Amino acid sequence: MKWLIVILLSILSILFLEKGIELWTVINHVDGDGIGISFIGMSISERVLIESIPGYALGFTIASLIPILVAINLALRLKPKKNMDTTNI
C-alpha cells in the first residue's frame, strides 16, 4: 500500500514538473494578453498576463519538489524493521 502512495506522489511530481517546463517554454510564444492555465483538467486561471507566466512556471517547478521529497521519505522509511527479542538483552 505504501508503494502505491510513493508511485502516486512520483507521478504527481512529474505532472507538476511537466507543467512548469511547459510554461517556461511557452513564455516566448504567447500572443495577445495572456493564456489560460489548467492543471489535471482543473482551470487555474482563465487569463494569466504574460508578465505573470514566469511566476506560475516557477510555482509549478518548485511544487514538483514537494511530492517527490515526500515520496523519497516514504520509500526510505519502508525498510523492514528487525524484531528484537527483549528477553535476551
C-alpha atoms as a PDB file:
ATOM      1  CA  MET A   1       0.000   0.000   0.000  1.00  0.00           C
ATOM      2  CA  LYS A   2       2.814   2.408   0.824  1.00  0.00           C
ATOM      3  CA  TRP A   3       4.482   1.741  -2.522  1.00  0.00           C
ATOM      4  CA  LEU A   4       1.263   2.799  -4.242  1.00  0.00           C
ATOM      5  CA  ILE A   5       1.446   6.133  -2.418  1.00  0.00           C
ATOM      6  CA  VAL A   6       5.096   6.523  -3.429  1.00  0.00           C
ATOM      7  CA  ILE A   7       4.205   5.859  -7.074  1.00  0.00           C
ATOM      8  CA  LEU A   8       1.240   8.278  -6.998  1.00  0.00           C
ATOM      9  CA  LEU A   9       3.351  11.021  -5.419  1.00  0.00           C
ATOM     10  CA  SER A  10       6.048  10.476  -8.021  1.00  0.00           C
ATOM     11  CA  ILE A  11       3.514  10.749 -10.843  1.00  0.00           C
ATOM     12  CA  LEU A  12       2.096  13.937  -9.326  1.00  0.00           C
ATOM     13  CA  SER A  13       5.599  15.360  -9.098  1.00  0.00           C
ATOM     14  CA  ILE A  14       6.259  14.535 -12.754  1.00  0.00           C
ATOM     15  CA  LEU A  15       2.991  16.223 -13.757  1.00  0.00           C
ATOM     16  CA  PHE A  16       3.901  19.388 -11.823  1.00  0.00           C
ATOM     17  CA  LEU A  17       7.363  19.434 -13.391  1.00  0.00           C
ATOM     18  CA  GLU A  18       5.936  18.866 -16.864  1.00  0.00           C
ATOM     19  CA  LYS A  19       3.526  21.793 -16.440  1.00  0.00           C
ATOM     20  CA  GLY A  20       6.333  24.004 -15.152  1.00  0.00           C
ATOM     21  CA  ILE A  21       8.533  23.163 -18.138  1.00  0.00           C
ATOM     22  CA  GLU A  22       5.604  23.735 -20.493  1.00  0.00           C
ATOM     23  CA  LEU A  23       5.048  27.198 -19.021  1.00  0.00           C
ATOM     24  CA  TRP A  24       8.761  28.037 -19.218  1.00  0.00           C
ATOM     25  CA  THR A  25       8.785  27.145 -22.926  1.00  0.00           C
ATOM     26  CA  VAL A  26       5.532  28.901 -23.838  1.00  0.00           C
ATOM     27  CA  ILE A  27       6.579  32.307 -22.454  1.00  0.00           C
ATOM     28  CA  ASN A  28       8.032  33.497 -25.766  1.00  0.00           C
ATOM     29  CA  HIS A  29       5.146  32.172 -27.862  1.00  0.00           C
ATOM     30  CA  VAL A  30       2.168  33.895 -26.216  1.00  0.00           C
ATOM     31  CA  ASP A  31       0.164  36.181 -28.455  1.00  0.00           C
ATOM     32  CA  GLY A  32      -2.411  38.550 -27.107  1.00  0.00           C
ATOM     33  CA  ASP A  33      -2.856  39.494 -23.488  1.00  0.00           C
ATOM     34  CA  GLY A  34      -2.130  36.137 -21.895  1.00  0.00           C
ATOM     35  CA  ILE A  35      -3.011  32.476 -21.629  1.00  0.00           C
ATOM     36  CA  GLY A  36      -5.305  30.225 -19.636  1.00  0.00           C
ATOM     37  CA  ILE A  37      -3.629  27.757 -17.279  1.00  0.00           C
ATOM     38  CA  SER A  38      -5.158  24.435 -16.323  1.00  0.00           C
ATOM     39  CA  PHE A  39      -3.703  21.504 -14.402  1.00  0.00           C
ATOM     40  CA  ILE A  40      -5.063  17.947 -14.465  1.00  0.00           C
ATOM     41  CA  GLY A  41      -8.284  19.170 -16.026  1.00  0.00           C
ATOM     42  CA  MET A  42      -8.861  21.930 -13.466  1.00  0.00           C
ATOM     43  CA  SER A  43      -8.727  25.529 -14.598  1.00  0.00           C
ATOM     44  CA  ILE A  44      -6.228  27.512 -12.524  1.00  0.00           C
ATOM     45  CA  SER A  45      -6.775  30.813 -14.257  1.00  0.00           C
ATOM     46  CA  GLU A  46      -8.601  31.864 -17.402  1.00  0.00           C
ATOM     47  CA  ARG A  47      -6.287  34.730 -18.252  1.00  0.00           C
ATOM     48  CA  VAL A  48      -2.727  34.982 -16.979  1.00  0.00           C
ATOM     49  CA  LEU A  49      -0.804  38.026 -18.130  1.00  0.00           C
ATOM     50  CA  ILE A  50       2.451  37.458 -19.977  1.00  0.00           C
ATOM     51  CA  GLU A  51       4.364  39.117 -17.120  1.00  0.00           C
ATOM     52  CA  SER A  52       2.893  36.616 -14.615  1.00  0.00           C
ATOM     53  CA  ILE A  53       3.677  33.418 -16.531  1.00  0.00           C
ATOM     54  CA  PRO A  54       7.223  33.050 -15.087  1.00  0.00           C
ATOM     55  CA  GLY A  55       5.732  33.147 -11.573  1.00  0.00           C
ATOM     56  CA  TYR A  56       3.340  30.321 -12.411  1.00  0.00           C
ATOM     57  CA  ALA A  57       6.134  28.377 -14.105  1.00  0.00           C
ATOM     58  CA  LEU A  58       8.378  28.753 -11.065  1.00  0.00           C
ATOM     59  CA  GLY A  59       5.496  27.783  -8.780  1.00  0.00           C
ATOM     60  CA  PHE A  60       4.800  24.564 -10.688  1.00  0.00           C
ATOM     61  CA  THR A  61       8.510  23.751 -10.864  1.00  0.00           C
ATOM     62  CA  ILE A  62       9.006  24.215  -7.124  1.00  0.00           C
ATOM     63  CA  ALA A  63       5.731  22.424  -6.372  1.00  0.00           C
ATOM     64  CA  SER A  64       7.132  19.364  -8.147  1.00  0.00           C
ATOM     65  CA  LEU A  65       9.795  19.081  -5.447  1.00  0.00           C
ATOM     66  CA  ILE A  66       7.344  18.612  -2.574  1.00  0.00           C
ATOM     67  CA  PRO A  67       5.681  15.340  -3.676  1.00  0.00           C
ATOM     68  CA  ILE A  68       8.980  13.797  -4.782  1.00  0.00           C
ATOM     69  CA  LEU A  69      10.602  14.620  -1.424  1.00  0.00           C
ATOM     70  CA  VAL A  70       7.654  13.070   0.411  1.00  0.00           C
ATOM     71  CA  ALA A  71       7.844  10.009  -1.852  1.00  0.00           C
ATOM     72  CA  ILE A  72      11.579   9.628  -1.198  1.00  0.00           C
ATOM     73  CA  ASN A  73      10.979   9.983   2.534  1.00  0.00           C
ATOM     74  CA  LEU A  74       8.303   7.279   2.452  1.00  0.00           C
ATOM     75  CA  ALA A  75      10.449   4.999   0.315  1.00  0.00           C
ATOM     76  CA  LEU A  76      13.380   5.274   2.705  1.00  0.00           C
ATOM     77  CA  ARG A  77      11.155   4.559   5.697  1.00  0.00           C
ATOM     78  CA  LEU A  78       9.831   1.360   4.115  1.00  0.00           C
ATOM     79  CA  LYS A  79      12.805  -0.678   5.209  1.00  0.00           C
ATOM     80  CA  PRO A  80      11.637  -3.691   7.221  1.00  0.00           C
ATOM     81  CA  LYS A  81      12.163  -3.347  10.929  1.00  0.00           C
ATOM     82  CA  LYS A  82      14.009  -6.074  12.744  1.00  0.00           C
ATOM     83  CA  ASN A  83      12.108  -7.762  15.531  1.00  0.00           C
ATOM     84  CA  MET A  84      14.176  -7.555  18.662  1.00  0.00           C
ATOM     85  CA  ASP A  85      13.924 -10.175  21.369  1.00  0.00           C
ATOM     86  CA  THR A  86      13.904  -8.059  24.510  1.00  0.00           C
ATOM     87  CA  THR A  87      14.188 -11.041  26.833  1.00  0.00           C
ATOM     88  CA  ASN A  88      17.780 -11.802  25.794  1.00  0.00           C
ATOM     89  CA  ILE A  89      19.148  -8.291  26.177  1.00  0.00           C
END
